[in-house]
């Protein structure tokens, strides 16, 4: 019974991580490396 819940949780986590990485990559491609570094730094 725990398995589907755990699998679902990992799916959501993986999508969130991939989405965040995609946004950073897109920002880096558009604005250059220093822009992405500023975003990560906060």
PDB file of N, CA and C in Angstrom:
ATOM      1  N   UNK A   1       0.820  -1.197   0.000  1.00  0.00           N
ATOM      2  CA  UNK A   1       0.000   0.000   0.000  1.00  0.00           C
ATOM      3  C   UNK A   1       0.870   1.270   0.000  1.00  0.00           C
ATOM      4  N   UNK A   2       2.049   1.178   0.587  1.00  0.00           N
ATOM      5  CA  UNK A   2       2.929   2.349   0.610  1.00  0.00           C
ATOM      6  C   UNK A   2       3.589   2.604  -0.746  1.00  0.00           C
ATOM      7  N   UNK A   3       3.714   1.551  -1.545  1.00  0.00           N
ATOM      8  CA  UNK A   3       4.472   1.668  -2.785  1.00  0.00           C
ATOM      9  C   UNK A   3       3.924   2.723  -3.753  1.00  0.00           C
ATOM     10  N   UNK A   4       2.626   2.707  -4.078  1.00  0.00           N
ATOM     11  CA  UNK A   4       2.119   3.727  -5.013  1.00  0.00           C
ATOM     12  C   UNK A   4       2.300   5.148  -4.480  1.00  0.00           C
ATOM     13  N   UNK A   5       2.144   5.338  -3.181  1.00  0.00           N
ATOM     14  CA  UNK A   5       2.319   6.665  -2.594  1.00  0.00           C
ATOM     15  C   UNK A   5       3.768   7.113  -2.742  1.00  0.00           C
ATOM     16  N   UNK A   6       4.685   6.206  -2.437  1.00  0.00           N
ATOM     17  CA  UNK A   6       6.102   6.537  -2.538  1.00  0.00           C
ATOM     18  C   UNK A   6       6.474   6.840  -3.995  1.00  0.00           C
ATOM     19  N   UNK A   7       5.984   6.040  -4.919  1.00  0.00           N
ATOM     20  CA  UNK A   7       6.287   6.234  -6.327  1.00  0.00           C
ATOM     21  C   UNK A   7       5.750   7.593  -6.786  1.00  0.00           C
ATOM     22  N   UNK A   8       4.537   7.925  -6.365  1.00  0.00           N
ATOM     23  CA  UNK A   8       3.930   9.192  -6.727  1.00  0.00           C
ATOM     24  C   UNK A   8       4.743  10.358  -6.178  1.00  0.00           C
ATOM     25  N   UNK A   9       5.181  10.225  -4.943  1.00  0.00           N
ATOM     26  CA  UNK A   9       5.960  11.277  -4.311  1.00  0.00           C
ATOM     27  C   UNK A   9       7.261  11.506  -5.077  1.00  0.00           C
ATOM     28  N   UNK A  10       7.934  10.425  -5.465  1.00  0.00           N
ATOM     29  CA  UNK A  10       9.179  10.558  -6.218  1.00  0.00           C
ATOM     30  C   UNK A  10       8.919  11.152  -7.591  1.00  0.00           C
ATOM     31  N   UNK A  11       7.765  10.833  -8.184  1.00  0.00           N
ATOM     32  CA  UNK A  11       7.437  11.410  -9.484  1.00  0.00           C
ATOM     33  C   UNK A  11       7.289  12.917  -9.400  1.00  0.00           C
ATOM     34  N   UNK A  12       6.606  13.374  -8.358  1.00  0.00           N
ATOM     35  CA  UNK A  12       6.428  14.813  -8.160  1.00  0.00           C
ATOM     36  C   UNK A  12       7.769  15.478  -7.901  1.00  0.00           C
ATOM     37  N   UNK A  13       8.598  14.854  -7.075  1.00  0.00           N
ATOM     38  CA  UNK A  13       9.918  15.407  -6.769  1.00  0.00           C
ATOM     39  C   UNK A  13      10.765  15.502  -8.032  1.00  0.00           C
ATOM     40  N   UNK A  14      10.762  14.444  -8.827  1.00  0.00           N
ATOM     41  CA  UNK A  14      11.551  14.431 -10.057  1.00  0.00           C
ATOM     42  C   UNK A  14      11.084  15.530 -11.013  1.00  0.00           C
ATOM     43  N   UNK A  15       9.767  15.698 -11.149  1.00  0.00           N
ATOM     44  CA  UNK A  15       9.244  16.747 -12.027  1.00  0.00           C
ATOM     45  C   UNK A  15       9.646  18.129 -11.538  1.00  0.00           C
ATOM     46  N   UNK A  16       9.601  18.340 -10.224  1.00  0.00           N
ATOM     47  CA  UNK A  16       9.975  19.637  -9.660  1.00  0.00           C
ATOM     48  C   UNK A  16      11.453  19.930  -9.918  1.00  0.00           C
ATOM     49  N   UNK A  17      12.305  18.932  -9.692  1.00  0.00           N
ATOM     50  CA  UNK A  17      13.743  19.113  -9.902  1.00  0.00           C
ATOM     51  C   UNK A  17      14.035  19.375 -11.374  1.00  0.00           C
ATOM     52  N   UNK A  18      13.433  18.593 -12.260  1.00  0.00           N
ATOM     53  CA  UNK A  18      13.648  18.789 -13.692  1.00  0.00           C
ATOM     54  C   UNK A  18      13.133  20.150 -14.150  1.00  0.00           C
ATOM     55  N   UNK A  19      11.992  20.552 -13.632  1.00  0.00           N
ATOM     56  CA  UNK A  19      11.446  21.859 -13.993  1.00  0.00           C
ATOM     57  C   UNK A  19      12.361  22.988 -13.553  1.00  0.00           C
ATOM     58  N   UNK A  20      12.848  22.907 -12.322  1.00  0.00           N
ATOM     59  CA  UNK A  20      13.753  23.932 -11.800  1.00  0.00           C
ATOM     60  C   UNK A  20      15.050  23.973 -12.612  1.00  0.00           C
ATOM     61  N   UNK A  21      15.593  22.801 -12.935  1.00  0.00           N
ATOM     62  CA  UNK A  21      16.811  22.734 -13.745  1.00  0.00           C
ATOM     63  C   UNK A  21      16.562  23.311 -15.137  1.00  0.00           C
ATOM     64  N   UNK A  22      15.390  23.030 -15.694  1.00  0.00           N
ATOM     65  CA  UNK A  22      15.044  23.565 -17.011  1.00  0.00           C
ATOM     66  C   UNK A  22      14.957  25.079 -17.004  1.00  0.00           C
ATOM     67  N   UNK A  23      14.371  25.639 -15.954  1.00  0.00           N
ATOM     68  CA  UNK A  23      14.275  27.103 -15.840  1.00  0.00           C
ATOM     69  C   UNK A  23      15.666  27.720 -15.735  1.00  0.00           C
ATOM     70  N   UNK A  24      16.519  27.104 -14.916  1.00  0.00           N
ATOM     71  CA  UNK A  24      17.885  27.618 -14.783  1.00  0.00           C
ATOM     72  C   UNK A  24      18.631  27.539 -16.111  1.00  0.00           C
ATOM     73  N   UNK A  25      18.471  26.431 -16.816  1.00  0.00           N
ATOM     74  CA  UNK A  25      19.137  26.271 -18.103  1.00  0.00           C
ATOM     75  C   UNK A  25      18.647  27.315 -19.096  1.00  0.00           C
ATOM     76  N   UNK A  26      17.344  27.527 -19.145  1.00  0.00           N
ATOM     77  CA  UNK A  26      16.765  28.518 -20.046  1.00  0.00           C
ATOM     78  C   UNK A  26      17.285  29.912 -19.709  1.00  0.00           C
ATOM     79  N   UNK A  27      17.328  30.242 -18.421  1.00  0.00           N
ATOM     80  CA  UNK A  27      17.840  31.542 -17.987  1.00  0.00           C
ATOM     81  C   UNK A  27      19.295  31.708 -18.395  1.00  0.00           C
ATOM     82  N   UNK A  28      20.075  30.638 -18.221  1.00  0.00           N
ATOM     83  CA  UNK A  28      21.491  30.684 -18.564  1.00  0.00           C
ATOM     84  C   UNK A  28      21.684  30.885 -20.064  1.00  0.00           C
ATOM     85  N   UNK A  29      20.871  30.193 -20.864  1.00  0.00           N
ATOM     86  CA  UNK A  29      20.982  30.312 -22.313  1.00  0.00           C
ATOM     87  C   UNK A  29      20.596  31.717 -22.784  1.00  0.00           C
ATOM     88  N   UNK A  30      19.590  32.305 -22.167  1.00  0.00           N
ATOM     89  CA  UNK A  30      19.117  33.622 -22.594  1.00  0.00           C
ATOM     90  C   UNK A  30      20.031  34.734 -22.082  1.00  0.00           C
ATOM     91  N   UNK A  31      20.340  34.696 -20.786  1.00  0.00           N
ATOM     92  CA  UNK A  31      21.028  35.826 -20.177  1.00  0.00           C
ATOM     93  C   UNK A  31      22.505  35.632 -19.916  1.00  0.00           C
ATOM     94  N   UNK A  32      23.015  34.456 -20.108  1.00  0.00           N
ATOM     95  CA  UNK A  32      24.423  34.208 -19.828  1.00  0.00           C
ATOM     96  C   UNK A  32      24.606  33.581 -18.452  1.00  0.00           C
ATOM     97  N   UNK A  33      25.768  33.033 -18.198  1.00  0.00           N
ATOM     98  CA  UNK A  33      26.046  32.297 -16.975  1.00  0.00           C
ATOM     99  C   UNK A  33      25.904  33.128 -15.718  1.00  0.00           C
ATOM    100  N   UNK A  34      26.302  34.396 -15.752  1.00  0.00           N
ATOM    101  CA  UNK A  34      26.252  35.190 -14.529  1.00  0.00           C
ATOM    102  C   UNK A  34      24.834  35.457 -14.066  1.00  0.00           C
ATOM    103  N   UNK A  35      23.894  35.543 -14.995  1.00  0.00           N
ATOM    104  CA  UNK A  35      22.484  35.743 -14.626  1.00  0.00           C
ATOM    105  C   UNK A  35      21.953  34.548 -13.840  1.00  0.00           C
ATOM    106  N   UNK A  36      22.253  33.352 -14.303  1.00  0.00           N
ATOM    107  CA  UNK A  36      21.810  32.145 -13.605  1.00  0.00           C
ATOM    108  C   UNK A  36      22.469  32.058 -12.235  1.00  0.00           C
ATOM    109  N   UNK A  37      23.728  32.459 -12.136  1.00  0.00           N
ATOM    110  CA  UNK A  37      24.430  32.422 -10.847  1.00  0.00           C
ATOM    111  C   UNK A  37      23.776  33.388  -9.856  1.00  0.00           C
ATOM    112  N   UNK A  38      23.362  34.545 -10.316  1.00  0.00           N
ATOM    113  CA  UNK A  38      22.690  35.511  -9.445  1.00  0.00           C
ATOM    114  C   UNK A  38      21.356  34.940  -8.971  1.00  0.00           C
ATOM    115  N   UNK A  39      20.613  34.275  -9.875  1.00  0.00           N
ATOM    116  CA  UNK A  39      19.338  33.666  -9.512  1.00  0.00           C
ATOM    117  C   UNK A  39      19.526  32.615  -8.424  1.00  0.00           C
ATOM    118  N   UNK A  40      20.531  31.777  -8.569  1.00  0.00           N
ATOM    119  CA  UNK A  40      20.776  30.715  -7.598  1.00  0.00           C
ATOM    120  C   UNK A  40      21.172  31.323  -6.247  1.00  0.00           C
ATOM    121  N   UNK A  41      21.983  32.373  -6.294  1.00  0.00           N
ATOM    122  CA  UNK A  41      22.445  33.006  -5.063  1.00  0.00           C
ATOM    123  C   UNK A  41      21.294  33.678  -4.311  1.00  0.00           C
ATOM    124  N   UNK A  42      20.240  34.046  -5.015  1.00  0.00           N
ATOM    125  CA  UNK A  42      19.090  34.630  -4.343  1.00  0.00           C
ATOM    126  C   UNK A  42      19.044  36.104  -4.614  1.00  0.00           C
TER     127      UNK A  42
END
